[in-house]
Amino acid sequence: MKSYFKIFEFISDKKLKDSLILDYKEVLICLNRQAYKAAVVLSGGIVEAILINRALSLPEDKKDKIKIMYFGLTEEKKEIEKMELSPLIRSLSSLEIITTPQAGRSDILRDYRNLIHPYKKGDRPTKADALSVKKLLDDLIKEFEIPEQSNIDNPEKANLFLNHSAYKRKRETEEYRDILKLFVEKQGNVTFEDFLNLSLFKNKPNPSKSLISNLTYLKRQGLCNYNEDSWRGYPIKRYESWSMNQNILGLVEKYLKKWFSYKD
């Protein structure tokens, strides 16, 4: 997952989006502090908000179809924002507004949300339950995400950084040299911890912050990218896994051999 500050870009209501960002942050805090019931209930609330927002953002004719479908299931006339979650999920799925997998995940998360009612659900969720719910929530959010343009696989941009004189002073610093060397040594797949183990970064007062800045810059230049599923929000916000594709890896290796007499 990407940073929780960015995962709700598909939410059209800014106030709701800001609220969901805080709710998701609380889910992470609750998991860290072993407050598993709170994490599960919050996750269910986030799903409800996502689905209602999806329905409310539709054209009026589709909203009317949801209300008709909902009435057929419940014999109740309700505005979308006041609908019960279970029949709302079934209505959205039947009208193909959400996919069958999305409906399935939503329904499981809805069921977990009922843990807030102790007489309905007797057992408290375990750590395994809470982590399973978090995974379901993350998968659902990813399915709703607006796709982003990635700047990985951009040999022209990478080649410009590696060869143009305008970038010479920047690229020939020790930090970038060592990072690029490590990408080549690891054949394009490097963990954040691998980077931190470089002696140059070990000696910095704030190695993680410095490294994040360097990697982010190289990403902007089209040389590398992070694995979105490797996001770690606590205690240090960072992506744990970084990659460089084979085309760019060849350019980097050629550059290193030319400027630093680097050998495998």
Protein backbone atom coordinates (compact mmCIF):
# COMPACT_ATOMS: atom_id res chain seq x y z
CA MET A 1 0.00 0.00 0.00
CA LYS A 2 1.00 3.55 -0.66
CA SER A 3 1.03 6.22 2.08
CA TYR A 4 -2.34 6.53 3.81
CA PHE A 5 -2.25 10.21 2.83
CA LYS A 6 -2.73 9.14 -0.80
CA ILE A 7 -4.79 5.96 -0.81
CA PHE A 8 -8.21 7.64 -0.80
CA GLU A 9 -7.77 9.80 -3.91
CA PHE A 10 -10.79 8.04 -5.45
CA ILE A 11 -13.08 9.54 -2.78
CA SER A 12 -14.90 12.52 -4.31
CA ASP A 13 -15.90 14.21 -1.04
CA LYS A 14 -12.87 16.04 0.41
CA LYS A 15 -14.24 16.13 3.94
CA LEU A 16 -14.93 12.41 3.85
CA LYS A 17 -11.51 11.72 2.32
CA ASP A 18 -9.77 13.60 5.14
CA SER A 19 -11.82 11.68 7.69
CA LEU A 20 -10.96 8.31 6.12
CA ILE A 21 -7.27 9.18 6.14
CA LEU A 22 -7.49 9.70 9.90
CA ASP A 23 -9.54 6.50 10.35
CA TYR A 24 -6.98 4.47 8.42
CA LYS A 25 -4.19 5.98 10.51
CA GLU A 26 -6.09 4.91 13.63
CA VAL A 27 -6.35 1.36 12.25
CA LEU A 28 -2.54 1.27 12.00
CA ILE A 29 -2.17 2.66 15.53
CA CYS A 30 -4.67 0.14 16.92
CA LEU A 31 -2.85 -2.76 15.28
CA ASN A 32 0.46 -1.57 16.71
CA ARG A 33 -1.04 -1.22 20.20
CA GLN A 34 -2.83 -4.59 20.02
CA ALA A 35 -6.29 -2.98 20.09
CA TYR A 36 -7.58 -5.53 17.62
CA LYS A 37 -11.32 -5.03 18.10
CA ALA A 38 -11.00 -1.30 17.49
CA ALA A 39 -8.94 -1.94 14.35
CA VAL A 40 -11.55 -4.34 12.98
CA VAL A 41 -14.53 -2.07 13.71
CA LEU A 42 -12.78 0.95 12.19
CA SER A 43 -11.97 -1.07 9.06
CA GLY A 44 -15.64 -1.96 8.64
CA GLY A 45 -16.61 1.69 9.00
CA ILE A 46 -14.13 2.67 6.28
CA VAL A 47 -15.67 0.13 3.89
CA GLU A 48 -19.18 1.48 4.53
CA ALA A 49 -18.01 5.03 3.79
CA ILE A 50 -16.25 3.94 0.57
CA LEU A 51 -19.35 2.17 -0.77
CA ILE A 52 -21.77 4.95 0.11
CA ASN A 53 -19.45 7.50 -1.50
CA ARG A 54 -19.25 5.34 -4.61
CA ALA A 55 -23.05 5.22 -4.82
CA LEU A 56 -23.52 8.94 -4.16
CA SER A 57 -21.02 9.87 -6.87
CA LEU A 58 -23.12 8.15 -9.58
CA PRO A 59 -25.52 9.90 -12.00
CA GLU A 60 -29.09 10.35 -10.78
CA ASP A 61 -30.51 7.56 -12.96
CA LYS A 62 -28.12 5.03 -11.41
CA LYS A 63 -28.88 6.30 -7.92
CA ASP A 64 -32.56 5.70 -8.64
CA LYS A 65 -31.79 2.13 -9.72
CA ILE A 66 -29.95 1.54 -6.43
CA LYS A 67 -32.96 2.79 -4.48
CA ILE A 68 -35.32 0.54 -6.47
CA MET A 69 -33.05 -2.47 -5.98
CA TYR A 70 -32.68 -1.71 -2.28
CA PHE A 71 -36.45 -1.42 -1.88
CA GLY A 72 -36.89 -4.77 -3.59
CA LEU A 73 -34.55 -6.37 -1.06
CA THR A 74 -35.78 -4.64 2.10
CA GLU A 75 -39.20 -3.10 1.31
CA GLU A 76 -37.78 0.12 2.76
CA LYS A 77 -37.46 3.47 1.02
CA LYS A 78 -34.21 5.07 2.14
CA GLU A 79 -31.75 7.66 0.92
CA ILE A 80 -28.45 6.07 -0.04
CA GLU A 81 -26.51 7.52 2.90
CA LYS A 82 -29.01 5.89 5.31
CA MET A 83 -29.06 2.43 3.74
CA GLU A 84 -28.10 -0.70 5.66
CA LEU A 85 -24.77 -1.99 4.44
CA SER A 86 -25.69 -5.60 3.62
CA PRO A 87 -28.52 -4.84 1.16
CA LEU A 88 -26.54 -1.88 -0.20
CA ILE A 89 -23.68 -4.24 -1.07
CA ARG A 90 -26.10 -6.63 -2.76
CA SER A 91 -27.71 -3.77 -4.68
CA LEU A 92 -24.38 -2.39 -5.90
CA SER A 93 -23.22 -5.87 -6.92
CA SER A 94 -26.46 -6.73 -8.74
CA LEU A 95 -26.24 -3.48 -10.72
CA GLU A 96 -22.53 -4.20 -11.47
CA ILE A 97 -21.43 -0.98 -9.79
CA ILE A 98 -18.98 -3.06 -7.79
CA THR A 99 -17.50 -6.40 -8.81
CA THR A 100 -18.34 -9.74 -7.23
CA PRO A 101 -14.91 -9.91 -5.46
CA GLN A 102 -15.41 -6.36 -4.15
CA ALA A 103 -18.84 -7.31 -2.85
CA GLY A 104 -17.41 -10.42 -1.19
CA ARG A 105 -14.66 -8.52 0.59
CA SER A 106 -17.08 -5.79 1.61
CA ASP A 107 -19.50 -8.31 3.07
CA ILE A 108 -16.80 -10.01 5.14
CA LEU A 109 -15.66 -6.64 6.48
CA ARG A 110 -19.28 -5.68 7.19
CA ASP A 111 -19.69 -8.83 9.24
CA TYR A 112 -16.56 -8.07 11.26
CA ARG A 113 -17.87 -4.56 11.91
CA ASN A 114 -20.73 -6.12 13.88
CA LEU A 115 -18.20 -6.89 16.61
CA ILE A 116 -19.08 -3.47 17.98
CA HIS A 117 -22.30 -5.13 19.21
CA PRO A 118 -21.18 -7.54 21.95
CA TYR A 119 -24.50 -9.44 22.02
CA LYS A 120 -24.24 -10.19 18.30
CA LYS A 121 -20.63 -11.35 18.32
CA GLY A 122 -19.39 -12.97 21.50
CA ASP A 123 -15.73 -13.53 20.70
CA ARG A 124 -13.20 -10.73 20.55
CA PRO A 125 -11.04 -10.68 17.41
CA THR A 126 -7.52 -12.04 17.62
CA LYS A 127 -4.40 -10.54 16.09
CA ALA A 128 -4.82 -12.93 13.16
CA ASP A 129 -8.40 -11.71 12.67
CA ALA A 130 -7.32 -8.07 12.72
CA LEU A 131 -4.48 -8.63 10.24
CA SER A 132 -6.81 -10.56 7.95
CA VAL A 133 -9.32 -7.70 8.05
CA LYS A 134 -6.56 -5.16 7.33
CA LYS A 135 -5.49 -7.22 4.30
CA LEU A 136 -9.07 -7.37 3.02
CA LEU A 137 -9.43 -3.61 3.49
CA ASP A 138 -6.16 -2.89 1.67
CA ASP A 139 -7.16 -5.17 -1.22
CA LEU A 140 -10.52 -3.42 -1.52
CA ILE A 141 -8.94 0.04 -1.46
CA LYS A 142 -6.44 -0.96 -4.15
CA GLU A 143 -9.29 -2.11 -6.40
CA PHE A 144 -10.95 1.29 -6.12
CA GLU A 145 -7.75 3.28 -6.61
CA ILE A 146 -7.28 5.59 -9.56
CA PRO A 147 -4.32 4.19 -11.53
CA GLU A 148 -1.19 6.32 -11.45
CA GLN A 149 1.31 6.88 -14.18
CA SER A 150 4.55 5.23 -13.18
CA ASN A 151 7.85 6.73 -14.22
CA ILE A 152 9.67 3.40 -14.08
CA ASP A 153 10.56 1.93 -17.47
CA ASN A 154 11.61 5.31 -18.82
CA PRO A 155 15.01 4.68 -20.48
CA GLU A 156 15.06 8.08 -22.21
CA LYS A 157 14.65 9.99 -18.96
CA ALA A 158 17.11 7.71 -17.15
CA ASN A 159 19.66 8.09 -19.94
CA LEU A 160 19.36 11.88 -19.68
CA PHE A 161 20.19 11.76 -15.97
CA LEU A 162 23.11 9.38 -16.50
CA ASN A 163 24.76 11.28 -19.36
CA HIS A 164 23.71 14.92 -19.60
CA SER A 165 26.14 17.47 -18.20
CA ALA A 166 23.33 19.26 -16.37
CA TYR A 167 23.09 16.31 -13.94
CA LYS A 168 26.83 15.64 -13.62
CA ARG A 169 27.36 17.17 -10.18
CA LYS A 170 24.22 15.53 -8.81
CA ARG A 171 24.78 12.00 -10.13
CA GLU A 172 28.45 11.82 -9.19
CA THR A 173 27.87 12.25 -5.48
CA GLU A 174 28.80 9.27 -3.31
CA GLU A 175 25.18 8.66 -2.33
CA TYR A 176 23.93 8.14 -5.87
CA ARG A 177 27.02 6.19 -6.88
CA ASP A 178 26.57 3.71 -4.03
CA ILE A 179 22.82 3.37 -4.57
CA LEU A 180 23.26 2.67 -8.28
CA LYS A 181 26.05 0.18 -7.58
CA LEU A 182 23.83 -1.70 -5.16
CA PHE A 183 21.01 -1.91 -7.70
CA VAL A 184 23.44 -3.55 -10.14
CA GLU A 185 24.87 -5.90 -7.50
CA LYS A 186 21.37 -7.01 -6.46
CA GLN A 187 20.23 -7.35 -10.08
CA GLY A 188 17.59 -4.68 -9.76
CA ASN A 189 15.79 -5.70 -6.55
CA VAL A 190 16.93 -4.05 -3.31
CA THR A 191 15.36 -3.75 0.13
CA PHE A 192 15.44 -0.55 2.12
CA GLU A 193 17.54 -2.33 4.77
CA ASP A 194 20.09 -3.25 2.11
CA PHE A 195 20.47 0.44 1.28
CA LEU A 196 20.74 1.37 4.96
CA ASN A 197 23.60 -1.09 5.36
CA LEU A 198 25.74 0.92 2.96
CA SER A 199 28.56 2.42 5.03
CA LEU A 200 27.92 5.90 3.65
CA PHE A 201 24.37 5.96 5.03
CA LYS A 202 25.28 4.27 8.31
CA ASN A 203 27.40 7.30 9.18
CA LYS A 204 24.64 9.85 8.55
CA PRO A 205 22.76 11.35 11.53
CA ASN A 206 19.39 10.47 9.96
CA PRO A 207 20.13 7.68 7.46
CA SER A 208 16.50 6.77 6.64
CA LYS A 209 15.47 10.33 5.84
CA SER A 210 18.55 10.86 3.68
CA LEU A 211 18.02 7.58 1.84
CA ILE A 212 14.32 8.25 1.20
CA SER A 213 15.27 11.60 -0.33
CA ASN A 214 17.88 9.98 -2.62
CA LEU A 215 15.61 7.15 -3.77
CA THR A 216 12.69 9.49 -4.39
CA TYR A 217 14.89 11.67 -6.56
CA LEU A 218 16.08 8.68 -8.62
CA LYS A 219 12.46 7.58 -8.99
CA ARG A 220 11.56 11.01 -10.40
CA GLN A 221 14.38 10.63 -12.91
CA GLY A 222 12.88 7.36 -14.14
CA LEU A 223 15.62 5.06 -12.83
CA CYS A 224 13.81 3.06 -10.15
CA ASN A 225 10.50 2.56 -8.42
CA TYR A 226 9.09 1.15 -5.20
CA ASN A 227 6.82 -1.83 -4.73
CA GLU A 228 3.51 -0.31 -3.58
CA ASP A 229 2.70 -3.42 -1.55
CA SER A 230 5.82 -2.89 0.58
CA TRP A 231 4.61 0.28 2.31
CA ARG A 232 5.47 0.46 5.99
CA GLY A 233 3.72 3.24 7.86
CA TYR A 234 5.13 2.64 11.34
CA PRO A 235 7.46 3.60 12.92
CA ILE A 236 9.21 5.02 9.84
CA LYS A 237 7.14 5.81 6.76
CA ARG A 238 8.88 4.18 3.83
CA TYR A 239 8.66 1.57 1.07
CA GLU A 240 10.60 -1.57 1.96
CA SER A 241 11.21 -2.86 -1.56
CA TRP A 242 12.72 -1.00 -4.56
CA SER A 243 13.33 -2.17 -8.10
CA MET A 244 15.07 -1.20 -11.34
CA ASN A 245 14.08 -2.87 -14.61
CA GLN A 246 16.54 -4.67 -16.83
CA ASN A 247 16.71 -2.02 -19.57
CA ILE A 248 17.62 0.72 -17.11
CA LEU A 249 19.90 -1.64 -15.20
CA GLY A 250 21.97 -2.03 -18.39
CA LEU A 251 22.24 1.75 -18.76
CA VAL A 252 23.31 2.13 -15.13
CA GLU A 253 25.94 -0.62 -15.38
CA LYS A 254 27.38 0.99 -18.52
CA TYR A 255 27.46 4.36 -16.75
CA LEU A 256 29.20 2.97 -13.68
CA LYS A 257 31.87 1.22 -15.73
CA LYS A 258 32.51 4.41 -17.66
CA TRP A 259 32.70 6.90 -14.80
CA PHE A 260 33.82 4.85 -11.83
CA SER A 261 35.58 1.88 -13.45
CA TYR A 262 32.96 -0.25 -11.71
CA LYS A 263 33.16 -4.01 -12.29
CA ASP A 264 30.82 -6.83 -11.30
